[in-house]
Amino acid sequence: MPGNPPFRVQLTKVRDMHCVTRFAVIAIAGLALAAPAAFAEPTDLKELAEDPQSFLDKEIELVGYCVKGGKAGDVLGYECTTDAGVYVAADDIEPEAAKKTLADCAATKSDECQATVKFEAYSFSTSGVIEPGKKITIFNAEKANVSF
């Protein structure tokens, strides 16, 4: 019959389109699941302060202001602070260019001096005397990656 071959060809095209559509759906779903891991977002500061133990030895990212020697000059390395009461005491920071930027900022709280800080804490402590009336959680890290 003259009508059968076009019908079979069309059926094959529909089946191929179905396979392509299924592949596209699987690929998009895979990207959606992988996206949170690929794009790190700042860690919730409230969670950091409430349960610091669960963040030890994991990458933490926060936004704050950093200064060599700390705000009070009592830190051997670098201190990064947030308004939410989460501090980072890092022995060193990287890259080297960030050290120059921090020296130029000299603890100034301007938009240009606000830094994104990524680090892995090996310990933490809390204090009620650093800022009277406020509980401060201090994370200790060997190194922090600082970007502006």
C-alpha atoms as a PDB file:
ATOM      1  CA  MET A   1       0.000   0.000   0.000  1.00  0.00           C
ATOM      2  CA  PRO A   2       1.253   3.406  -0.843  1.00  0.00           C
ATOM      3  CA  GLY A   3       0.171   4.901   2.542  1.00  0.00           C
ATOM      4  CA  ASN A   4       2.198   2.545   4.802  1.00  0.00           C
ATOM      5  CA  PRO A   5       5.801   3.771   4.302  1.00  0.00           C
ATOM      6  CA  PRO A   6       5.087   7.414   5.250  1.00  0.00           C
ATOM      7  CA  PHE A   7       3.199   6.192   8.337  1.00  0.00           C
ATOM      8  CA  ARG A   8       6.176   4.082   9.438  1.00  0.00           C
ATOM      9  CA  VAL A   9       8.599   6.922   8.827  1.00  0.00           C
ATOM     10  CA  GLN A  10       6.433   9.250  10.872  1.00  0.00           C
ATOM     11  CA  LEU A  11       6.153   6.671  13.659  1.00  0.00           C
ATOM     12  CA  THR A  12       9.961   6.446  13.745  1.00  0.00           C
ATOM     13  CA  LYS A  13      10.230  10.248  13.943  1.00  0.00           C
ATOM     14  CA  VAL A  14       7.779  10.333  16.866  1.00  0.00           C
ATOM     15  CA  ARG A  15       9.735   7.604  18.672  1.00  0.00           C
ATOM     16  CA  ASP A  16      13.023   9.496  18.067  1.00  0.00           C
ATOM     17  CA  MET A  17      11.461  12.737  19.326  1.00  0.00           C
ATOM     18  CA  HIS A  18      10.276  10.888  22.440  1.00  0.00           C
ATOM     19  CA  CYS A  19      13.847   9.648  23.114  1.00  0.00           C
ATOM     20  CA  VAL A  20      15.282  13.122  22.592  1.00  0.00           C
ATOM     21  CA  THR A  21      12.649  14.630  24.886  1.00  0.00           C
ATOM     22  CA  ARG A  22      13.333  12.023  27.578  1.00  0.00           C
ATOM     23  CA  PHE A  23      17.083  12.729  27.331  1.00  0.00           C
ATOM     24  CA  ALA A  24      16.489  16.482  27.613  1.00  0.00           C
ATOM     25  CA  VAL A  25      14.310  16.055  30.712  1.00  0.00           C
ATOM     26  CA  ILE A  26      16.944  13.850  32.375  1.00  0.00           C
ATOM     27  CA  ALA A  27      19.723  16.306  31.509  1.00  0.00           C
ATOM     28  CA  ILE A  28      17.803  19.314  32.856  1.00  0.00           C
ATOM     29  CA  ALA A  29      16.912  17.444  36.064  1.00  0.00           C
ATOM     30  CA  GLY A  30      20.559  16.495  36.532  1.00  0.00           C
ATOM     31  CA  LEU A  31      21.673  20.094  36.148  1.00  0.00           C
ATOM     32  CA  ALA A  32      19.052  21.284  38.608  1.00  0.00           C
ATOM     33  CA  LEU A  33      20.278  18.794  41.213  1.00  0.00           C
ATOM     34  CA  ALA A  34      23.936  19.636  40.616  1.00  0.00           C
ATOM     35  CA  ALA A  35      23.441  23.413  40.670  1.00  0.00           C
ATOM     36  CA  PRO A  36      23.411  23.846  44.467  1.00  0.00           C
ATOM     37  CA  ALA A  37      26.732  22.052  44.762  1.00  0.00           C
ATOM     38  CA  ALA A  38      28.325  23.990  41.931  1.00  0.00           C
ATOM     39  CA  PHE A  39      27.445  27.464  43.165  1.00  0.00           C
ATOM     40  CA  ALA A  40      28.345  27.983  46.806  1.00  0.00           C
ATOM     41  CA  GLU A  41      26.296  30.493  48.695  1.00  0.00           C
ATOM     42  CA  PRO A  42      27.183  32.208  51.946  1.00  0.00           C
ATOM     43  CA  THR A  43      26.502  30.061  54.985  1.00  0.00           C
ATOM     44  CA  ASP A  44      23.545  31.157  57.117  1.00  0.00           C
ATOM     45  CA  LEU A  45      25.062  33.149  59.996  1.00  0.00           C
ATOM     46  CA  LYS A  46      22.248  32.263  62.386  1.00  0.00           C
ATOM     47  CA  GLU A  47      22.920  28.552  61.796  1.00  0.00           C
ATOM     48  CA  LEU A  48      26.654  29.118  62.342  1.00  0.00           C
ATOM     49  CA  ALA A  49      26.026  30.817  65.681  1.00  0.00           C
ATOM     50  CA  GLU A  50      23.416  28.306  66.888  1.00  0.00           C
ATOM     51  CA  ASP A  51      25.244  25.090  65.942  1.00  0.00           C
ATOM     52  CA  PRO A  52      28.930  25.820  65.293  1.00  0.00           C
ATOM     53  CA  GLN A  53      30.001  22.224  66.015  1.00  0.00           C
ATOM     54  CA  SER A  54      28.247  20.943  62.881  1.00  0.00           C
ATOM     55  CA  PHE A  55      30.304  23.285  60.676  1.00  0.00           C
ATOM     56  CA  LEU A  56      33.760  22.167  61.807  1.00  0.00           C
ATOM     57  CA  ASP A  57      35.986  20.777  59.037  1.00  0.00           C
ATOM     58  CA  LYS A  58      33.508  21.935  56.370  1.00  0.00           C
ATOM     59  CA  GLU A  59      33.847  24.827  53.964  1.00  0.00           C
ATOM     60  CA  ILE A  60      32.147  27.922  55.337  1.00  0.00           C
ATOM     61  CA  GLU A  61      31.518  31.081  53.361  1.00  0.00           C
ATOM     62  CA  LEU A  62      30.472  34.388  54.871  1.00  0.00           C
ATOM     63  CA  VAL A  63      30.596  38.084  54.123  1.00  0.00           C
ATOM     64  CA  GLY A  64      32.299  40.419  56.575  1.00  0.00           C
ATOM     65  CA  TYR A  65      35.145  42.803  57.254  1.00  0.00           C
ATOM     66  CA  CYS A  66      38.701  41.582  57.876  1.00  0.00           C
ATOM     67  CA  VAL A  67      41.700  43.199  59.512  1.00  0.00           C
ATOM     68  CA  LYS A  68      45.201  42.006  60.313  1.00  0.00           C
ATOM     69  CA  GLY A  69      45.690  41.718  64.066  1.00  0.00           C
ATOM     70  CA  GLY A  70      41.952  41.940  64.773  1.00  0.00           C
ATOM     71  CA  LYS A  71      39.773  44.899  65.714  1.00  0.00           C
ATOM     72  CA  ALA A  72      41.392  45.158  69.142  1.00  0.00           C
ATOM     73  CA  GLY A  73      44.880  44.229  67.948  1.00  0.00           C
ATOM     74  CA  ASP A  74      44.849  40.991  69.949  1.00  0.00           C
ATOM     75  CA  VAL A  75      44.795  38.444  67.090  1.00  0.00           C
ATOM     76  CA  LEU A  76      48.042  37.000  65.727  1.00  0.00           C
ATOM     77  CA  GLY A  77      46.729  36.540  62.181  1.00  0.00           C
ATOM     78  CA  TYR A  78      43.596  38.007  60.632  1.00  0.00           C
ATOM     79  CA  GLU A  79      40.165  38.566  62.122  1.00  0.00           C
ATOM     80  CA  CYS A  80      37.031  38.762  60.006  1.00  0.00           C
ATOM     81  CA  THR A  81      33.847  39.977  61.667  1.00  0.00           C
ATOM     82  CA  THR A  82      30.145  40.110  60.853  1.00  0.00           C
ATOM     83  CA  ASP A  83      27.351  42.171  62.367  1.00  0.00           C
ATOM     84  CA  ALA A  84      25.618  38.898  63.275  1.00  0.00           C
ATOM     85  CA  GLY A  85      28.249  37.998  65.870  1.00  0.00           C
ATOM     86  CA  VAL A  86      30.187  35.411  63.868  1.00  0.00           C
ATOM     87  CA  TYR A  87      33.932  35.987  63.728  1.00  0.00           C
ATOM     88  CA  VAL A  88      36.769  34.175  61.955  1.00  0.00           C
ATOM     89  CA  ALA A  89      40.295  34.112  63.359  1.00  0.00           C
ATOM     90  CA  ALA A  90      42.577  32.909  60.556  1.00  0.00           C
ATOM     91  CA  ASP A  91      46.315  32.390  60.884  1.00  0.00           C
ATOM     92  CA  ASP A  92      46.758  33.563  57.281  1.00  0.00           C
ATOM     93  CA  ILE A  93      44.736  34.642  54.264  1.00  0.00           C
ATOM     94  CA  GLU A  94      45.099  34.168  50.539  1.00  0.00           C
ATOM     95  CA  PRO A  95      45.599  35.373  47.853  1.00  0.00           C
ATOM     96  CA  GLU A  96      48.484  37.732  48.534  1.00  0.00           C
ATOM     97  CA  ALA A  97      46.630  40.589  46.787  1.00  0.00           C
ATOM     98  CA  ALA A  98      43.917  40.379  49.473  1.00  0.00           C
ATOM     99  CA  LYS A  99      46.508  41.231  52.141  1.00  0.00           C
ATOM    100  CA  LYS A 100      47.297  44.505  50.364  1.00  0.00           C
ATOM    101  CA  THR A 101      43.613  45.347  49.981  1.00  0.00           C
ATOM    102  CA  LEU A 102      43.039  44.693  53.693  1.00  0.00           C
ATOM    103  CA  ALA A 103      46.017  46.871  54.599  1.00  0.00           C
ATOM    104  CA  ASP A 104      44.567  49.676  52.442  1.00  0.00           C
ATOM    105  CA  CYS A 105      41.145  49.269  54.076  1.00  0.00           C
ATOM    106  CA  ALA A 106      42.558  49.394  57.628  1.00  0.00           C
ATOM    107  CA  ALA A 107      39.325  48.131  59.271  1.00  0.00           C
ATOM    108  CA  THR A 108      37.140  50.533  57.305  1.00  0.00           C
ATOM    109  CA  LYS A 109      33.581  49.259  56.931  1.00  0.00           C
ATOM    110  CA  SER A 110      32.948  50.464  53.390  1.00  0.00           C
ATOM    111  CA  ASP A 111      31.452  48.530  50.479  1.00  0.00           C
ATOM    112  CA  GLU A 112      34.882  48.270  48.828  1.00  0.00           C
ATOM    113  CA  CYS A 113      36.311  46.643  51.954  1.00  0.00           C
ATOM    114  CA  GLN A 114      33.527  44.114  52.493  1.00  0.00           C
ATOM    115  CA  ALA A 115      34.972  40.673  51.795  1.00  0.00           C
ATOM    116  CA  THR A 116      33.712  37.209  50.978  1.00  0.00           C
ATOM    117  CA  VAL A 117      35.586  34.851  53.271  1.00  0.00           C
ATOM    118  CA  LYS A 118      35.865  31.086  52.639  1.00  0.00           C
ATOM    119  CA  PHE A 119      37.498  28.846  55.218  1.00  0.00           C
ATOM    120  CA  GLU A 120      37.418  25.501  57.035  1.00  0.00           C
ATOM    121  CA  ALA A 121      37.279  25.885  60.798  1.00  0.00           C
ATOM    122  CA  TYR A 122      39.178  23.438  62.984  1.00  0.00           C
ATOM    123  CA  SER A 123      37.708  24.789  66.241  1.00  0.00           C
ATOM    124  CA  PHE A 124      35.428  27.450  67.672  1.00  0.00           C
ATOM    125  CA  SER A 125      34.772  29.300  70.903  1.00  0.00           C
ATOM    126  CA  THR A 126      32.130  31.680  72.181  1.00  0.00           C
ATOM    127  CA  SER A 127      32.477  34.908  74.101  1.00  0.00           C
ATOM    128  CA  GLY A 128      30.172  37.313  75.862  1.00  0.00           C
ATOM    129  CA  VAL A 129      32.837  39.944  76.532  1.00  0.00           C
ATOM    130  CA  ILE A 130      34.069  40.873  73.048  1.00  0.00           C
ATOM    131  CA  GLU A 131      30.885  42.831  72.436  1.00  0.00           C
ATOM    132  CA  PRO A 132      29.025  43.415  75.718  1.00  0.00           C
ATOM    133  CA  GLY A 133      25.496  42.022  75.671  1.00  0.00           C
ATOM    134  CA  LYS A 134      26.143  39.949  72.548  1.00  0.00           C
ATOM    135  CA  LYS A 135      27.243  36.319  72.207  1.00  0.00           C
ATOM    136  CA  ILE A 136      30.076  36.051  69.679  1.00  0.00           C
ATOM    137  CA  THR A 137      31.023  32.774  67.985  1.00  0.00           C
ATOM    138  CA  ILE A 138      34.650  32.699  66.863  1.00  0.00           C
ATOM    139  CA  PHE A 139      35.761  30.136  64.294  1.00  0.00           C
ATOM    140  CA  ASN A 140      39.484  29.345  64.113  1.00  0.00           C
ATOM    141  CA  ALA A 141      41.056  28.475  60.779  1.00  0.00           C
ATOM    142  CA  GLU A 142      44.576  27.989  59.491  1.00  0.00           C
ATOM    143  CA  LYS A 143      43.853  29.858  56.263  1.00  0.00           C
ATOM    144  CA  ALA A 144      40.995  31.821  54.731  1.00  0.00           C
ATOM    145  CA  ASN A 145      40.421  32.713  51.107  1.00  0.00           C
ATOM    146  CA  VAL A 146      39.366  36.368  50.905  1.00  0.00           C
ATOM    147  CA  SER A 147      37.870  38.069  47.851  1.00  0.00           C
ATOM    148  CA  PHE A 148      36.370  41.508  47.279  1.00  0.00           C
END
